[in-house]
Amino acid sequence: MLKSLMTAALALCAGASCAYAENPVTIGHTAKGPSLVDAKGMTLYTFAKDAGGKSACNGPCAANWPPVMAAAGDKPSGRYSIVSRDDGSKQWAYDGKPLYAWSKDKKPGDATGDGFLDGAWRVAQP
């Protein structure tokens, strides 16, 4: 049944312009337990200085902590939302907290950014 529904959904998009993009965030595992990860399996983080659904990590901060960017056609669902950044671009958020990767994590499962900046950076967990 599920396979039939998925096949039907793909068929609908095959002949039409489907702008909907799937959320690039999934659940993976790190030493911290179940964690949010990006499409490459890299650990995602939240920043304690973000407030009101707005990112406080811009410029040089965003070079070290790349935001999980949302495309124009992406649609939020459930606990995932999309927030606007200072430059007008869009970023994925979980429970209203913008999501970031950490440039020093080298492979899936790394969580070397957890606790960085006196605990301001934390592994994003479901």
N, C-alpha and C. Protein backbone atom coordinates (compact mmCIF):
# COMPACT_ATOMS: atom_id res chain seq x y z
N MET A 1 0.83 -1.20 0.00
CA MET A 1 0.00 0.00 0.00
C MET A 1 0.87 1.26 0.00
N LEU A 2 1.84 1.32 0.92
CA LEU A 2 2.72 2.49 1.00
C LEU A 2 3.50 2.66 -0.30
N LYS A 3 3.98 1.55 -0.84
CA LYS A 3 4.75 1.61 -2.08
C LYS A 3 3.87 2.15 -3.20
N SER A 4 2.61 1.75 -3.24
CA SER A 4 1.67 2.24 -4.25
C SER A 4 1.45 3.74 -4.12
N LEU A 5 1.32 4.22 -2.89
CA LEU A 5 1.13 5.66 -2.67
C LEU A 5 2.36 6.45 -3.10
N MET A 6 3.54 5.93 -2.78
CA MET A 6 4.78 6.61 -3.16
C MET A 6 4.91 6.64 -4.68
N THR A 7 4.59 5.54 -5.35
CA THR A 7 4.66 5.48 -6.80
C THR A 7 3.69 6.49 -7.42
N ALA A 8 2.49 6.58 -6.87
CA ALA A 8 1.50 7.54 -7.38
C ALA A 8 1.97 8.97 -7.19
N ALA A 9 2.56 9.26 -6.05
CA ALA A 9 3.06 10.62 -5.79
C ALA A 9 4.17 10.98 -6.77
N LEU A 10 5.08 10.04 -7.02
CA LEU A 10 6.15 10.30 -7.98
C LEU A 10 5.60 10.51 -9.38
N ALA A 11 4.59 9.73 -9.74
CA ALA A 11 3.98 9.86 -11.06
C ALA A 11 3.36 11.25 -11.23
N LEU A 12 2.73 11.77 -10.19
CA LEU A 12 2.13 13.10 -10.25
C LEU A 12 3.18 14.16 -10.52
N CYS A 13 4.34 14.01 -9.91
CA CYS A 13 5.41 15.00 -10.09
C CYS A 13 6.14 14.83 -11.41
N ALA A 14 6.09 13.64 -11.99
CA ALA A 14 6.84 13.38 -13.22
C ALA A 14 6.41 14.28 -14.36
N GLY A 15 5.12 14.53 -14.49
CA GLY A 15 4.63 15.33 -15.59
C GLY A 15 4.38 16.77 -15.22
N ALA A 16 4.58 17.13 -13.98
CA ALA A 16 4.29 18.50 -13.53
C ALA A 16 5.54 19.11 -12.93
N SER A 17 5.45 20.37 -12.68
CA SER A 17 6.56 21.08 -12.04
C SER A 17 6.31 21.06 -10.54
N CYS A 18 6.93 20.12 -9.85
CA CYS A 18 6.74 20.00 -8.40
C CYS A 18 7.83 20.79 -7.70
N ALA A 19 7.48 21.91 -7.13
CA ALA A 19 8.45 22.77 -6.47
C ALA A 19 8.74 22.30 -5.05
N TYR A 20 7.92 21.39 -4.54
CA TYR A 20 8.09 20.92 -3.16
C TYR A 20 9.41 20.18 -3.02
N ALA A 21 10.19 20.56 -2.05
CA ALA A 21 11.44 19.87 -1.74
C ALA A 21 11.33 19.26 -0.35
N GLU A 22 11.88 18.09 -0.21
CA GLU A 22 11.80 17.39 1.07
C GLU A 22 12.75 18.00 2.09
N ASN A 23 12.34 18.00 3.34
CA ASN A 23 13.18 18.47 4.43
C ASN A 23 14.51 17.72 4.40
N PRO A 24 15.64 18.42 4.38
CA PRO A 24 16.94 17.75 4.30
C PRO A 24 17.43 17.21 5.65
N VAL A 25 16.64 17.35 6.70
CA VAL A 25 17.06 16.94 8.04
C VAL A 25 16.43 15.59 8.38
N THR A 26 17.25 14.69 8.92
CA THR A 26 16.76 13.39 9.38
C THR A 26 17.34 13.12 10.75
N ILE A 27 17.04 11.95 11.29
CA ILE A 27 17.58 11.55 12.59
C ILE A 27 18.69 10.54 12.38
N GLY A 28 19.83 10.82 12.97
CA GLY A 28 20.97 9.92 12.94
C GLY A 28 21.42 9.65 14.36
N HIS A 29 22.62 9.08 14.49
CA HIS A 29 23.13 8.76 15.82
C HIS A 29 24.55 9.30 16.00
N THR A 30 24.79 9.87 17.17
CA THR A 30 26.11 10.35 17.55
C THR A 30 26.41 9.79 18.94
N ALA A 31 27.56 10.13 19.48
CA ALA A 31 27.89 9.73 20.85
C ALA A 31 26.91 10.35 21.85
N LYS A 32 26.21 11.38 21.43
CA LYS A 32 25.21 12.06 22.28
C LYS A 32 23.85 11.38 22.19
N GLY A 33 23.72 10.34 21.37
CA GLY A 33 22.45 9.64 21.18
C GLY A 33 21.80 10.07 19.89
N PRO A 34 20.48 9.85 19.76
CA PRO A 34 19.77 10.27 18.54
C PRO A 34 19.95 11.77 18.34
N SER A 35 20.30 12.15 17.12
CA SER A 35 20.58 13.56 16.81
C SER A 35 20.06 13.89 15.44
N LEU A 36 19.80 15.16 15.21
CA LEU A 36 19.41 15.61 13.88
C LEU A 36 20.66 15.68 13.02
N VAL A 37 20.54 15.21 11.79
CA VAL A 37 21.66 15.21 10.84
C VAL A 37 21.18 15.74 9.50
N ASP A 38 22.14 16.19 8.69
CA ASP A 38 21.78 16.67 7.35
C ASP A 38 21.76 15.51 6.36
N ALA A 39 21.58 15.82 5.09
CA ALA A 39 21.47 14.79 4.06
C ALA A 39 22.74 13.95 3.92
N LYS A 40 23.88 14.48 4.37
CA LYS A 40 25.14 13.74 4.32
C LYS A 40 25.41 12.97 5.61
N GLY A 41 24.49 13.06 6.57
CA GLY A 41 24.67 12.36 7.84
C GLY A 41 25.48 13.15 8.85
N MET A 42 25.76 14.41 8.55
CA MET A 42 26.55 15.24 9.46
C MET A 42 25.67 15.81 10.57
N THR A 43 26.21 15.81 11.78
CA THR A 43 25.50 16.28 12.96
C THR A 43 25.10 17.74 12.83
N LEU A 44 23.89 18.07 13.30
CA LEU A 44 23.40 19.44 13.29
C LEU A 44 23.34 19.97 14.72
N TYR A 45 23.41 21.28 14.84
CA TYR A 45 23.51 21.96 16.13
C TYR A 45 22.52 23.12 16.22
N THR A 46 22.26 23.53 17.46
CA THR A 46 21.51 24.75 17.73
C THR A 46 22.41 25.69 18.52
N PHE A 47 22.09 26.98 18.46
CA PHE A 47 22.89 28.03 19.09
C PHE A 47 22.04 28.75 20.12
N ALA A 48 22.50 28.78 21.37
CA ALA A 48 21.72 29.36 22.47
C ALA A 48 21.46 30.86 22.28
N LYS A 49 22.27 31.54 21.49
CA LYS A 49 22.08 32.98 21.30
C LYS A 49 21.01 33.31 20.26
N ASP A 50 20.52 32.28 19.55
CA ASP A 50 19.40 32.50 18.64
C ASP A 50 18.15 32.72 19.48
N ALA A 51 17.34 33.67 19.08
CA ALA A 51 16.11 33.95 19.84
C ALA A 51 15.00 34.37 18.91
N GLY A 52 13.79 34.04 19.27
CA GLY A 52 12.62 34.46 18.51
C GLY A 52 12.59 33.93 17.09
N GLY A 53 13.15 32.73 16.87
CA GLY A 53 13.14 32.15 15.53
C GLY A 53 14.05 32.88 14.57
N LYS A 54 15.08 33.55 15.08
CA LYS A 54 16.00 34.32 14.25
C LYS A 54 17.43 33.89 14.54
N SER A 55 18.23 33.76 13.49
CA SER A 55 19.62 33.36 13.64
C SER A 55 20.48 34.53 14.11
N ALA A 56 21.32 34.27 15.10
CA ALA A 56 22.30 35.25 15.57
C ALA A 56 23.68 34.93 15.02
N CYS A 57 23.77 33.89 14.19
CA CYS A 57 25.05 33.44 13.63
C CYS A 57 25.13 33.85 12.16
N ASN A 58 25.81 34.94 11.91
CA ASN A 58 25.97 35.48 10.56
C ASN A 58 27.44 35.78 10.31
N GLY A 59 27.79 36.12 9.08
CA GLY A 59 29.16 36.49 8.74
C GLY A 59 30.15 35.40 9.08
N PRO A 60 31.25 35.76 9.80
CA PRO A 60 32.28 34.77 10.13
C PRO A 60 31.73 33.59 10.95
N CYS A 61 30.74 33.83 11.77
CA CYS A 61 30.13 32.75 12.55
C CYS A 61 29.54 31.71 11.60
N ALA A 62 28.83 32.16 10.56
CA ALA A 62 28.19 31.24 9.62
C ALA A 62 29.21 30.49 8.76
N ALA A 63 30.44 31.01 8.65
CA ALA A 63 31.49 30.29 7.93
C ALA A 63 31.91 29.06 8.73
N ASN A 64 31.96 29.19 10.05
CA ASN A 64 32.32 28.06 10.92
C ASN A 64 31.13 27.16 11.23
N TRP A 65 29.95 27.74 11.28
CA TRP A 65 28.71 27.03 11.60
C TRP A 65 27.74 27.23 10.43
N PRO A 66 27.95 26.52 9.32
CA PRO A 66 27.09 26.73 8.15
C PRO A 66 25.62 26.44 8.44
N PRO A 67 24.74 27.39 8.13
CA PRO A 67 23.32 27.18 8.33
C PRO A 67 22.80 26.08 7.40
N VAL A 68 21.78 25.37 7.83
CA VAL A 68 21.11 24.40 6.97
C VAL A 68 20.12 25.21 6.15
N MET A 69 20.51 25.49 4.92
CA MET A 69 19.74 26.39 4.08
C MET A 69 18.50 25.71 3.50
N ALA A 70 17.45 26.50 3.35
CA ALA A 70 16.20 26.04 2.75
C ALA A 70 16.08 26.68 1.37
N ALA A 71 15.58 25.92 0.43
CA ALA A 71 15.38 26.42 -0.92
C ALA A 71 14.01 27.09 -1.01
N ALA A 72 13.81 27.84 -2.09
CA ALA A 72 12.57 28.59 -2.27
C ALA A 72 11.32 27.72 -2.20
N GLY A 73 11.37 26.50 -2.71
CA GLY A 73 10.18 25.65 -2.73
C GLY A 73 10.00 24.77 -1.51
N ASP A 74 10.92 24.84 -0.57
CA ASP A 74 10.83 23.98 0.62
C ASP A 74 9.62 24.35 1.46
N LYS A 75 8.99 23.34 2.02
CA LYS A 75 7.78 23.54 2.84
C LYS A 75 8.01 22.97 4.23
N PRO A 76 7.79 23.77 5.28
CA PRO A 76 7.93 23.27 6.64
C PRO A 76 6.81 22.30 6.99
N SER A 77 7.09 21.42 7.93
CA SER A 77 6.05 20.51 8.42
C SER A 77 6.41 20.02 9.80
N GLY A 78 5.39 19.75 10.59
CA GLY A 78 5.60 19.23 11.94
C GLY A 78 6.42 20.20 12.78
N ARG A 79 7.46 19.69 13.37
CA ARG A 79 8.31 20.50 14.25
C ARG A 79 9.36 21.29 13.49
N TYR A 80 9.39 21.11 12.17
CA TYR A 80 10.35 21.83 11.33
C TYR A 80 9.72 23.09 10.77
N SER A 81 10.49 24.17 10.77
CA SER A 81 10.03 25.43 10.21
C SER A 81 11.17 26.03 9.40
N ILE A 82 10.89 27.13 8.75
CA ILE A 82 11.91 27.85 7.99
C ILE A 82 11.95 29.27 8.50
N VAL A 83 13.14 29.76 8.82
CA VAL A 83 13.31 31.12 9.32
C VAL A 83 14.11 31.94 8.32
N SER A 84 13.93 33.25 8.38
CA SER A 84 14.68 34.17 7.52
C SER A 84 15.97 34.58 8.21
N ARG A 85 17.03 34.67 7.41
CA ARG A 85 18.33 35.12 7.91
C ARG A 85 18.50 36.61 7.62
N ASP A 86 19.51 37.21 8.21
CA ASP A 86 19.76 38.65 8.02
C ASP A 86 19.88 39.04 6.55
N ASP A 87 20.45 38.16 5.72
CA ASP A 87 20.64 38.46 4.31
C ASP A 87 19.42 38.13 3.46
N GLY A 88 18.33 37.70 4.09
CA GLY A 88 17.11 37.38 3.38
C GLY A 88 17.01 35.92 2.94
N SER A 89 18.09 35.16 3.07
CA SER A 89 18.03 33.74 2.73
C SER A 89 17.23 32.99 3.79
N LYS A 90 16.91 31.75 3.51
CA LYS A 90 16.06 30.95 4.40
C LYS A 90 16.86 29.79 5.00
N GLN A 91 16.52 29.44 6.23
CA GLN A 91 17.23 28.41 6.99
C GLN A 91 16.23 27.50 7.68
N TRP A 92 16.54 26.20 7.71
CA TRP A 92 15.69 25.25 8.43
C TRP A 92 15.86 25.43 9.93
N ALA A 93 14.78 25.20 10.66
CA ALA A 93 14.78 25.26 12.12
C ALA A 93 14.00 24.06 12.66
N TYR A 94 14.31 23.68 13.89
CA TYR A 94 13.61 22.60 14.57
C TYR A 94 13.09 23.16 15.88
N ASP A 95 11.81 23.04 16.13
CA ASP A 95 11.18 23.65 17.31
C ASP A 95 11.52 25.13 17.40
N GLY A 96 11.59 25.80 16.25
CA GLY A 96 11.87 27.22 16.20
C GLY A 96 13.34 27.60 16.33
N LYS A 97 14.21 26.60 16.51
CA LYS A 97 15.65 26.87 16.67
C LYS A 97 16.37 26.62 15.35
N PRO A 98 17.01 27.65 14.78
CA PRO A 98 17.75 27.45 13.54
C PRO A 98 18.80 26.34 13.68
N LEU A 99 19.02 25.62 12.57
CA LEU A 99 19.94 24.48 12.55
C LEU A 99 21.21 24.81 11.78
N TYR A 100 22.33 24.28 12.29
CA TYR A 100 23.65 24.52 11.70
C TYR A 100 24.47 23.23 11.70
N ALA A 101 25.43 23.18 10.77
CA ALA A 101 26.46 22.15 10.79
C ALA A 101 27.68 22.79 11.48
N TRP A 102 28.73 22.02 11.70
CA TRP A 102 29.97 22.53 12.32
C TRP A 102 31.11 22.19 11.38
N SER A 103 31.87 23.17 10.96
CA SER A 103 32.91 22.98 9.96
C SER A 103 34.02 22.02 10.40
N LYS A 104 34.16 21.80 11.69
CA LYS A 104 35.25 20.94 12.17
C LYS A 104 34.84 19.46 12.27
N ASP A 105 33.54 19.17 12.15
CA ASP A 105 33.12 17.76 12.08
C ASP A 105 33.57 17.23 10.72
N LYS A 106 34.22 16.07 10.73
CA LYS A 106 34.80 15.54 9.50
C LYS A 106 34.03 14.36 8.91
N LYS A 107 33.29 13.64 9.73
CA LYS A 107 32.57 12.47 9.22
C LYS A 107 31.24 12.33 9.95
N PRO A 108 30.29 11.62 9.33
CA PRO A 108 29.01 11.40 9.99
C PRO A 108 29.22 10.80 11.39
N GLY A 109 28.44 11.30 12.34
CA GLY A 109 28.55 10.83 13.72
C GLY A 109 29.44 11.71 14.59
N ASP A 110 30.34 12.51 13.96
CA ASP A 110 31.15 13.45 14.75
C ASP A 110 30.22 14.46 15.42
N ALA A 111 30.55 14.85 16.63
CA ALA A 111 29.77 15.86 17.36
C ALA A 111 30.74 16.74 18.13
N THR A 112 31.81 17.17 17.45
CA THR A 112 32.88 17.92 18.13
C THR A 112 32.47 19.34 18.52
N GLY A 113 31.35 19.83 17.97
CA GLY A 113 30.91 21.18 18.32
C GLY A 113 30.05 21.25 19.56
N ASP A 114 29.64 20.09 20.08
CA ASP A 114 28.75 20.09 21.25
C ASP A 114 29.44 20.72 22.45
N GLY A 115 28.82 21.74 23.01
CA GLY A 115 29.37 22.42 24.19
C GLY A 115 30.30 23.58 23.86
N PHE A 116 30.56 23.80 22.57
CA PHE A 116 31.45 24.88 22.16
C PHE A 116 30.93 26.23 22.64
N LEU A 117 31.83 27.17 22.88
CA LEU A 117 31.52 28.53 23.33
C LEU A 117 30.75 28.49 24.64
N ASP A 118 31.37 27.84 25.64
CA ASP A 118 30.79 27.72 26.98
C ASP A 118 29.38 27.13 26.96
N GLY A 119 29.18 26.15 26.08
CA GLY A 119 27.90 25.45 26.03
C GLY A 119 26.84 26.09 25.17
N ALA A 120 27.18 27.16 24.46
CA ALA A 120 26.18 27.85 23.62
C ALA A 120 25.75 26.99 22.42
N TRP A 121 26.65 26.14 21.93
CA TRP A 121 26.35 25.25 20.81
C TRP A 121 26.05 23.87 21.33
N ARG A 122 24.92 23.31 20.91
CA ARG A 122 24.50 21.98 21.36
C ARG A 122 24.05 21.13 20.17
N VAL A 123 24.30 19.84 20.28
CA VAL A 123 23.78 18.91 19.29
C VAL A 123 22.27 19.03 19.28
N ALA A 124 21.69 19.15 18.11
CA ALA A 124 20.23 19.21 17.97
C ALA A 124 19.68 17.80 18.09
N GLN A 125 18.80 17.60 19.06
CA GLN A 125 18.24 16.28 19.30
C GLN A 125 16.73 16.30 19.19
N PRO A 126 16.17 15.21 18.65
CA PRO A 126 14.71 15.17 18.49
C PRO A 126 14.01 15.03 19.82
